[in-house]
């Protein structure tokens, strides 16, 4: 508690966790758009690129999302003030 003046700061930090989840969704969208662009560069039609790019990039997208979410779980469920310090960095 020495680094925080009140518990209000701890709650503010915890409230920013959904923003990290939004970042994961944006990152996944970028990966999918990049895969589709690569298909289009290979002279494939957009009708073929649209359904095949998510299927081809599914495993890397899911793996990245699971790892990021698993890394946030300890911070999200912790109730000590010391872990709130870790959320700052």
Protein backbone atom coordinates (compact mmCIF):
# COMPACT_ATOMS: atom_id res chain seq x y z
CA UNK A 1 0.00 0.00 0.00
CA UNK A 2 3.04 2.26 0.26
CA UNK A 3 3.03 3.01 -3.49
CA UNK A 4 -0.67 3.84 -3.60
CA UNK A 5 -2.50 6.57 -1.76
CA UNK A 6 -5.82 4.75 -1.88
CA UNK A 7 -7.54 1.68 -3.18
CA UNK A 8 -9.04 3.84 -5.93
CA UNK A 9 -5.81 3.50 -7.92
CA UNK A 10 -5.95 -0.28 -7.62
CA UNK A 11 -9.49 -0.31 -8.99
CA UNK A 12 -8.51 1.98 -11.86
CA UNK A 13 -5.75 -0.43 -12.83
CA UNK A 14 -8.10 -3.38 -12.67
CA UNK A 15 -10.62 -1.53 -14.83
CA UNK A 16 -8.08 -1.30 -17.66
CA UNK A 17 -7.93 -5.09 -18.09
CA UNK A 18 -10.76 -5.14 -20.67
CA UNK A 19 -8.70 -2.76 -22.80
CA UNK A 20 -6.02 -5.42 -23.01
CA UNK A 21 -8.63 -7.87 -24.30
CA UNK A 22 -9.64 -5.34 -26.95
CA UNK A 23 -5.99 -5.20 -27.96
CA UNK A 24 -6.02 -8.96 -28.51
CA UNK A 25 -9.03 -8.69 -30.80
CA UNK A 26 -7.39 -5.90 -32.79
CA UNK A 27 -4.19 -7.92 -33.08
CA UNK A 28 -6.13 -10.92 -34.38
CA UNK A 29 -7.84 -8.73 -36.95
CA UNK A 30 -4.48 -7.46 -38.17
CA UNK A 31 -3.21 -11.03 -38.54
CA UNK A 32 -6.30 -12.01 -40.54
CA UNK A 33 -6.07 -8.95 -42.80
CA UNK A 34 -2.39 -9.65 -43.43
CA UNK A 35 -3.15 -13.27 -44.36
CA UNK A 36 -5.84 -12.13 -46.77
CA UNK A 37 -3.49 -9.58 -48.35
CA UNK A 38 -0.91 -12.31 -48.87
CA UNK A 39 -3.51 -14.44 -50.67
CA UNK A 40 -4.42 -11.49 -52.87
CA UNK A 41 -0.76 -10.88 -53.71
CA UNK A 42 -0.57 -14.50 -54.84
CA UNK A 43 -3.22 -13.60 -57.43
CA UNK A 44 -6.05 -15.46 -55.74
CA UNK A 45 -9.52 -14.02 -55.88
CA UNK A 46 -11.02 -12.24 -52.91
CA UNK A 47 -13.83 -14.79 -52.86
CA UNK A 48 -11.29 -17.55 -52.19
CA UNK A 49 -9.04 -15.49 -49.92
CA UNK A 50 -11.77 -14.39 -47.51
CA UNK A 51 -12.80 -17.84 -46.22
CA UNK A 52 -9.39 -19.49 -46.45
CA UNK A 53 -7.22 -16.91 -44.66
CA UNK A 54 -8.90 -17.28 -41.23
CA UNK A 55 -8.78 -21.06 -41.50
CA UNK A 56 -5.10 -21.00 -42.36
CA UNK A 57 -4.22 -18.60 -39.52
CA UNK A 58 -6.52 -20.12 -36.89
CA UNK A 59 -3.89 -22.00 -34.88
CA UNK A 60 -1.45 -19.05 -34.52
CA UNK A 61 -4.31 -16.72 -33.65
CA UNK A 62 -5.77 -19.01 -31.00
CA UNK A 63 -2.34 -19.79 -29.55
CA UNK A 64 -1.44 -16.12 -29.24
CA UNK A 65 -4.80 -15.25 -27.67
CA UNK A 66 -4.66 -18.08 -25.13
CA UNK A 67 -1.12 -17.16 -24.08
CA UNK A 68 -1.98 -13.47 -23.66
CA UNK A 69 -5.15 -14.20 -21.70
CA UNK A 70 -3.35 -16.75 -19.52
CA UNK A 71 -0.74 -14.12 -18.74
CA UNK A 72 -3.42 -11.67 -17.62
CA UNK A 73 -5.35 -14.10 -15.41
CA UNK A 74 -3.05 -13.81 -12.35
CA UNK A 75 -3.29 -10.03 -12.47
CA UNK A 76 -7.05 -10.11 -12.91
CA UNK A 77 -7.81 -12.45 -10.02
CA UNK A 78 -5.22 -11.23 -7.55
CA UNK A 79 -6.44 -9.15 -4.65
CA UNK A 80 -3.19 -7.97 -3.09
CA UNK A 81 -1.85 -4.48 -3.42
CA UNK A 82 1.58 -5.79 -4.42
CA UNK A 83 0.22 -7.25 -7.63
CA UNK A 84 -1.35 -3.92 -8.45
CA UNK A 85 2.18 -2.57 -8.68
CA UNK A 86 2.95 -5.18 -11.33
CA UNK A 87 -0.05 -4.04 -13.36
CA UNK A 88 1.60 -0.67 -13.80
CA UNK A 89 4.52 -2.17 -15.71
